[in-house]
Amino acid sequence: MVDVDRIKTAIVDREEEIEEKFNKEKMIERTSSNDIKDFVGTDAALIITGVRRCGKSTLAFMLKDEVGEEDFGYINFEDERLLIEGKELNKTLEAIYSLKDDVDLLIFDEIQNIEHWEKFISRLLPNKKVVITGSNARLLSKELSTHLTGRHIDFVLFPFSFKEYLKWKDIEPDVYSTKKRSKIKNSFEEYMKKGGFPLTYKIGNIFLSENYRDIINRDILQRYDIKYTKTFKEMARYLITNSANEITYNKLANSFEMGSPHTAKNYVSYLENAYLIFTLNKFSYKLKEQTSSPKKVYCIDTGLIDTIGFRFTEDKGKFLENLVAVELLRRTKNAEELELYYWKDHRGREVDFVVKDSEDVKKLIQVTYASSKDRIKERETKNLLIGSEEFGCDELYVITKDYNDRQEMGDKEIKFTPAWKWLLE
């Protein structure tokens, strides 16, 4: 049993810590914040999920400005002083009301750690604005759908985009100024290698290693009570090392002697639920072919690949493809009408990314670490044209390291865009 005074102390201490952080460190408004401000209201909970340490709590805390400094309550359930049961959740309201009288906005950080939290939130919604954050997609569980059907808005937050990274570094994203463009390009090389977690630039790669350990141990091994921890850790590192490559559950099960592809499938889903990796299906109009074909795996942050992945040489082509994949996911994840795939035909001709809009294929995208036209392999454009005919798609792109052009090929136009420029669109 946790008494109300202990909860009040945890609330006040945590708010003071965050306010001190806001005063000492540079905070930028996330590009995403403009998309979600309008969803802070009664009758529907705003649920912000994403990988650990990507800025969910900071974003949620900044939303308090929408209702006024004194008109909110914030509770972080990862505080060891708040080890409470679901039936005690009402005590958190007692603590907030005791400290602040009535409030309009309630922010619950990592509340999925408490059993039956969904019923508690459901009871609050008619009269309160509720924001929930969590580092695991378990928030979007069957129970949430049962108790909050039609009463929650889901938003996924990512590590810094390149645009946010430049803003944080006080670099103006002016692609037409020669001097500023040079600075942007240099920053892009750093961003591709180190990724989008701000603490990486303050602390170094030690942050990425520790954050990775926390995700594996706290968000996955403990949460899912995985028995064969060594096997799971080996497979997780293998997937990160092989980002931008195809995987199958059968091969994973055989490689790590799991005994069952179902176990491999579960392990991959746990990593996806923690937003550490994500997988893309092969595009097909046949659902069965989508689910049975190999998947392509990507890591949520290129800095993690560089730090955690096991490699003899640095494959910048794969790094760039992974970076583009994360940006495409950022652009499509919170847009219900957009879906992201890769495509490969029976002859092995591949298009890196297929963006589907409702029922139609909207864009086909190839990625190559090339700086000039003569270094772009013919198959990149050839496969785009084949895909274009296959799906009736006219928006064809090749994202390059630093080559910019438009080329007419038959009755099609292919746009070649430097990655640093495309990321700022």
Foldseek 3Di string as FASTA:
>chain_A
DAALVLLLVQQVVVVVVLVVCPVPADDDQAPCLVVCLVVQDFQAEEEEEEAPQQCPVVSVVVSVVVPDDLAEGEGECVPPSNPDEPVCVVSNVVNSCVVRNHHAEYEYEQPVVYPPVLQVVLVCRNRHGYYYYDLFLCCVPPVNCVSQPVRYAYDYGAFDFLVRVCVSVVQDPDCPDPVSVVVLLVVVVVCLQQWRRVVCVVPNLVVLVVSVVCCLVVQFCVVPVDDCSVLLVVLVQVLLQQAQDWDALVVSCVVSVVVDSVVSVVSVVSCVRSQQKDWAFADDPDPVNRVHDTIGMAGSTNSNSNNRHDDDDDDVQSSLLNSVVNLVCNVAVSPVQWDWHKHADPVGQTFSIFIGGNPATEETEAEGADAEDVPDDPSHVVSQVVVCVVGVYQHYEYEYQHDFDWDDDPPHIYTYHHPSVVSVD
